[in-house]
C-alpha atoms as a PDB file:
ATOM      1  CA  MET A   1       0.108  -0.048   0.152  1.00  0.00           C
ATOM      2  CA  ARG A   2       2.477   2.399   0.805  1.00  0.00           C
ATOM      3  CA  ILE A   3       4.893   1.756  -2.703  1.00  0.00           C
ATOM      4  CA  LEU A   4       1.249   2.665  -4.479  1.00  0.00           C
ATOM      5  CA  ALA A   5       1.184   6.226  -2.468  1.00  0.00           C
ATOM      6  CA  MET A   6       4.907   6.514  -3.674  1.00  0.00           C
ATOM      7  CA  PHE A   7       4.237   6.096  -7.075  1.00  0.00           C
ATOM      8  CA  ASN A   8       1.334   8.054  -6.937  1.00  0.00           C
ATOM      9  CA  ARG A   9       3.006  10.951  -5.500  1.00  0.00           C
ATOM     10  CA  ILE A  10       6.338  10.767  -8.170  1.00  0.00           C
ATOM     11  CA  VAL A  11       3.828  10.508 -10.732  1.00  0.00           C
ATOM     12  CA  ARG A  12       1.739  13.247  -9.329  1.00  0.00           C
ATOM     13  CA  GLU A  13       5.063  15.626  -8.846  1.00  0.00           C
ATOM     14  CA  MET A  14       6.553  14.429 -12.255  1.00  0.00           C
ATOM     15  CA  LEU A  15       3.595  15.705 -14.087  1.00  0.00           C
ATOM     16  CA  ARG A  16       3.483  19.310 -12.652  1.00  0.00           C
ATOM     17  CA  ASP A  17       7.001  19.649 -13.512  1.00  0.00           C
ATOM     18  CA  LYS A  18       7.161  21.037 -16.862  1.00  0.00           C
ATOM     19  CA  ARG A  19      10.824  21.202 -16.570  1.00  0.00           C
ATOM     20  CA  THR A  20      10.563  17.206 -16.420  1.00  0.00           C
ATOM     21  CA  LEU A  21       7.891  16.790 -19.181  1.00  0.00           C
ATOM     22  CA  GLY A  22      10.211  18.762 -21.054  1.00  0.00           C
ATOM     23  CA  LEU A  23      12.994  16.286 -20.427  1.00  0.00           C
ATOM     24  CA  MET A  24      11.362  12.994 -21.169  1.00  0.00           C
ATOM     25  CA  PHE A  25       9.168  13.620 -24.325  1.00  0.00           C
ATOM     26  CA  GLY A  26      11.630  16.462 -25.904  1.00  0.00           C
ATOM     27  CA  ALA A  27      15.215  15.030 -25.689  1.00  0.00           C
ATOM     28  CA  PRO A  28      14.325  11.974 -26.988  1.00  0.00           C
ATOM     29  CA  LEU A  29      12.334  14.094 -30.029  1.00  0.00           C
ATOM     30  CA  LEU A  30      15.622  15.666 -30.078  1.00  0.00           C
ATOM     31  CA  ILE A  31      18.154  12.842 -30.302  1.00  0.00           C
ATOM     32  CA  LEU A  32      15.775  10.457 -32.749  1.00  0.00           C
ATOM     33  CA  THR A  33      16.230  14.060 -34.704  1.00  0.00           C
ATOM     34  CA  TYR A  34      19.975  14.093 -34.686  1.00  0.00           C
ATOM     35  CA  PHE A  35      20.512  10.739 -35.971  1.00  0.00           C
ATOM     36  CA  PHE A  36      18.233  10.669 -38.384  1.00  0.00           C
ATOM     37  CA  CYS A  37      19.727  14.102 -40.120  1.00  0.00           C
ATOM     38  CA  PHE A  38      23.397  12.258 -40.021  1.00  0.00           C
ATOM     39  CA  LYS A  39      21.738   8.963 -41.525  1.00  0.00           C
ATOM     40  CA  THR A  40      20.274  11.088 -44.309  1.00  0.00           C
ATOM     41  CA  ILE A  41      23.289  12.564 -44.854  1.00  0.00           C
ATOM     42  CA  LYS A  42      25.714  11.493 -47.140  1.00  0.00           C
ATOM     43  CA  PRO A  43      29.480  11.376 -47.046  1.00  0.00           C
ATOM     44  CA  ILE A  44      31.636  13.928 -49.346  1.00  0.00           C
ATOM     45  CA  ARG A  45      33.750  11.539 -51.496  1.00  0.00           C
ATOM     46  CA  ARG A  46      36.984  13.394 -52.333  1.00  0.00           C
ATOM     47  CA  HIS A  47      38.959  11.941 -55.522  1.00  0.00           C
END
């Protein structure tokens, strides 16, 4: 019972904190975009 109450409290605090939500959703999107950009860029071949 205490574990469930502690879990609920932590979830409520995370939902109130805008920086945490930004890191949870924004950071993975930025990282995926970063990898996508470097995957699609073709290297320059020098002769």
